[in-house]
Amino acid sequence: MHGGMKIYAGAPAAARHYVEADRGRVDDYYLTEGTGIARRFTTTDGRVAELAPLTGDAYETWVAGRDPDTGEPRGQLRTDEHAVRFAEVVVNGPKT
């Protein structure tokens, strides 16, 4: 298996730009329909449910460590320039 990992520490607006700039042509088409830039899921009582997709503004809020729906902090937030905002992981495995 091959893959990679990118640790992102920086401004939420820059993270949004990174995600939006890494879109393929098909994704660009769907983004124009307002479907959002990121999917998110939640679990309750062992069941997984998909929440509304994140828009660009909501994605910035999420990267900043705040709940995109309420704006409330999701835990204790670091505010220094070295605060890890997210980790992007790519895993490639055998296709057979």
C-alpha atoms as a PDB file:
ATOM      1  CA  MET A   1       0.000   0.000   0.000  1.00  0.00           C
ATOM      2  CA  HIS A   2       1.074   3.541  -0.694  1.00  0.00           C
ATOM      3  CA  GLY A   3      -0.245   6.788   0.633  1.00  0.00           C
ATOM      4  CA  GLY A   4       0.670  10.054   2.196  1.00  0.00           C
ATOM      5  CA  MET A   5      -0.220  12.416   4.985  1.00  0.00           C
ATOM      6  CA  LYS A   6      -0.286  16.200   5.109  1.00  0.00           C
ATOM      7  CA  ILE A   7      -0.557  17.985   8.439  1.00  0.00           C
ATOM      8  CA  TYR A   8      -2.129  21.413   8.040  1.00  0.00           C
ATOM      9  CA  ALA A   9      -1.344  24.187  10.515  1.00  0.00           C
ATOM     10  CA  GLY A  10      -2.402  27.618   9.387  1.00  0.00           C
ATOM     11  CA  ALA A  11      -5.234  30.025   8.798  1.00  0.00           C
ATOM     12  CA  PRO A  12      -8.740  28.611   8.187  1.00  0.00           C
ATOM     13  CA  ALA A  13      -9.107  30.749   5.037  1.00  0.00           C
ATOM     14  CA  ALA A  14      -5.919  29.214   3.611  1.00  0.00           C
ATOM     15  CA  ALA A  15      -7.265  25.723   4.364  1.00  0.00           C
ATOM     16  CA  ARG A  16     -10.427  26.583   2.450  1.00  0.00           C
ATOM     17  CA  HIS A  17      -8.363  27.757  -0.510  1.00  0.00           C
ATOM     18  CA  TYR A  18      -6.327  24.531  -0.390  1.00  0.00           C
ATOM     19  CA  VAL A  19      -9.470  22.375  -0.521  1.00  0.00           C
ATOM     20  CA  GLU A  20     -11.211  24.446  -3.192  1.00  0.00           C
ATOM     21  CA  ALA A  21      -8.081  24.575  -5.374  1.00  0.00           C
ATOM     22  CA  ASP A  22      -7.726  20.773  -5.230  1.00  0.00           C
ATOM     23  CA  ARG A  23     -10.994  20.121  -7.070  1.00  0.00           C
ATOM     24  CA  GLY A  24     -11.401  18.152 -10.259  1.00  0.00           C
ATOM     25  CA  ARG A  25     -13.683  19.149 -13.111  1.00  0.00           C
ATOM     26  CA  VAL A  26     -16.576  16.984 -11.887  1.00  0.00           C
ATOM     27  CA  ASP A  27     -16.338  18.456  -8.394  1.00  0.00           C
ATOM     28  CA  ASP A  28     -16.268  21.979  -9.844  1.00  0.00           C
ATOM     29  CA  TYR A  29     -19.569  21.222 -11.578  1.00  0.00           C
ATOM     30  CA  TYR A  30     -21.192  20.097  -8.339  1.00  0.00           C
ATOM     31  CA  LEU A  31     -19.740  23.009  -6.376  1.00  0.00           C
ATOM     32  CA  THR A  32     -21.588  25.398  -8.701  1.00  0.00           C
ATOM     33  CA  GLU A  33     -24.802  23.690  -7.611  1.00  0.00           C
ATOM     34  CA  GLY A  34     -24.127  24.713  -4.003  1.00  0.00           C
ATOM     35  CA  THR A  35     -23.548  21.220  -2.616  1.00  0.00           C
ATOM     36  CA  GLY A  36     -20.625  22.344  -0.467  1.00  0.00           C
ATOM     37  CA  ILE A  37     -16.913  21.579  -0.331  1.00  0.00           C
ATOM     38  CA  ALA A  38     -16.837  18.873   2.336  1.00  0.00           C
ATOM     39  CA  ARG A  39     -19.072  16.061   3.527  1.00  0.00           C
ATOM     40  CA  ARG A  40     -19.454  15.341   7.220  1.00  0.00           C
ATOM     41  CA  PHE A  41     -20.905  12.562   9.299  1.00  0.00           C
ATOM     42  CA  THR A  42     -21.961  11.976  12.884  1.00  0.00           C
ATOM     43  CA  THR A  43     -22.587   8.904  15.006  1.00  0.00           C
ATOM     44  CA  THR A  44     -25.309   8.436  17.580  1.00  0.00           C
ATOM     45  CA  ASP A  45     -26.061   5.143  19.324  1.00  0.00           C
ATOM     46  CA  GLY A  46     -23.772   3.296  16.915  1.00  0.00           C
ATOM     47  CA  ARG A  47     -25.496   4.652  13.797  1.00  0.00           C
ATOM     48  CA  VAL A  48     -23.809   6.856  11.216  1.00  0.00           C
ATOM     49  CA  ALA A  49     -25.733   9.750   9.699  1.00  0.00           C
ATOM     50  CA  GLU A  50     -24.634  12.262   7.089  1.00  0.00           C
ATOM     51  CA  LEU A  51     -25.033  15.922   8.008  1.00  0.00           C
ATOM     52  CA  ALA A  52     -25.486  18.797   5.586  1.00  0.00           C
ATOM     53  CA  PRO A  53     -22.378  19.414   3.432  1.00  0.00           C
ATOM     54  CA  LEU A  54     -20.092  22.244   4.503  1.00  0.00           C
ATOM     55  CA  THR A  55     -20.095  25.429   2.457  1.00  0.00           C
ATOM     56  CA  GLY A  56     -16.858  27.384   2.155  1.00  0.00           C
ATOM     57  CA  ASP A  57     -17.687  29.602   5.136  1.00  0.00           C
ATOM     58  CA  ALA A  58     -18.804  26.640   7.271  1.00  0.00           C
ATOM     59  CA  TYR A  59     -15.614  24.770   6.323  1.00  0.00           C
ATOM     60  CA  GLU A  60     -13.488  27.683   7.554  1.00  0.00           C
ATOM     61  CA  THR A  61     -15.447  27.637  10.822  1.00  0.00           C
ATOM     62  CA  TRP A  62     -14.846  23.869  11.183  1.00  0.00           C
ATOM     63  CA  VAL A  63     -11.108  24.235  10.473  1.00  0.00           C
ATOM     64  CA  ALA A  64     -10.944  27.003  13.093  1.00  0.00           C
ATOM     65  CA  GLY A  65     -12.189  24.444  15.661  1.00  0.00           C
ATOM     66  CA  ARG A  66     -15.743  25.680  15.949  1.00  0.00           C
ATOM     67  CA  ASP A  67     -19.045  23.939  15.311  1.00  0.00           C
ATOM     68  CA  PRO A  68     -20.212  25.069  11.838  1.00  0.00           C
ATOM     69  CA  ASP A  69     -23.855  25.154  12.968  1.00  0.00           C
ATOM     70  CA  THR A  70     -23.495  27.008  16.279  1.00  0.00           C
ATOM     71  CA  GLY A  71     -20.054  28.657  16.163  1.00  0.00           C
ATOM     72  CA  GLU A  72     -19.285  27.163  19.590  1.00  0.00           C
ATOM     73  CA  PRO A  73     -15.740  25.843  20.212  1.00  0.00           C
ATOM     74  CA  ARG A  74     -15.292  22.087  19.715  1.00  0.00           C
ATOM     75  CA  GLY A  75     -12.995  21.516  22.664  1.00  0.00           C
ATOM     76  CA  GLN A  76     -10.031  23.597  23.811  1.00  0.00           C
ATOM     77  CA  LEU A  77      -8.764  25.689  20.896  1.00  0.00           C
ATOM     78  CA  ARG A  78      -5.158  26.584  20.176  1.00  0.00           C
ATOM     79  CA  THR A  79      -4.676  29.976  18.583  1.00  0.00           C
ATOM     80  CA  ASP A  80      -0.938  29.964  17.836  1.00  0.00           C
ATOM     81  CA  GLU A  81       0.392  29.679  14.273  1.00  0.00           C
ATOM     82  CA  HIS A  82       1.525  26.075  14.872  1.00  0.00           C
ATOM     83  CA  ALA A  83      -1.937  24.772  15.853  1.00  0.00           C
ATOM     84  CA  VAL A  84      -2.769  21.675  13.792  1.00  0.00           C
ATOM     85  CA  ARG A  85      -6.050  22.278  11.975  1.00  0.00           C
ATOM     86  CA  PHE A  86      -6.444  18.941  10.206  1.00  0.00           C
ATOM     87  CA  ALA A  87      -4.564  15.995   8.754  1.00  0.00           C
ATOM     88  CA  GLU A  88      -5.203  14.879   5.187  1.00  0.00           C
ATOM     89  CA  VAL A  89      -4.497  11.185   4.682  1.00  0.00           C
ATOM     90  CA  VAL A  90      -4.393   9.340   1.362  1.00  0.00           C
ATOM     91  CA  VAL A  91      -4.282   5.551   1.356  1.00  0.00           C
ATOM     92  CA  ASN A  92      -3.957   3.554  -1.845  1.00  0.00           C
ATOM     93  CA  GLY A  93      -4.370  -0.193  -1.753  1.00  0.00           C
ATOM     94  CA  PRO A  94      -4.413  -3.053  -4.220  1.00  0.00           C
ATOM     95  CA  LYS A  95      -7.284  -2.870  -6.691  1.00  0.00           C
ATOM     96  CA  THR A  96      -7.819  -6.647  -6.773  1.00  0.00           C
END
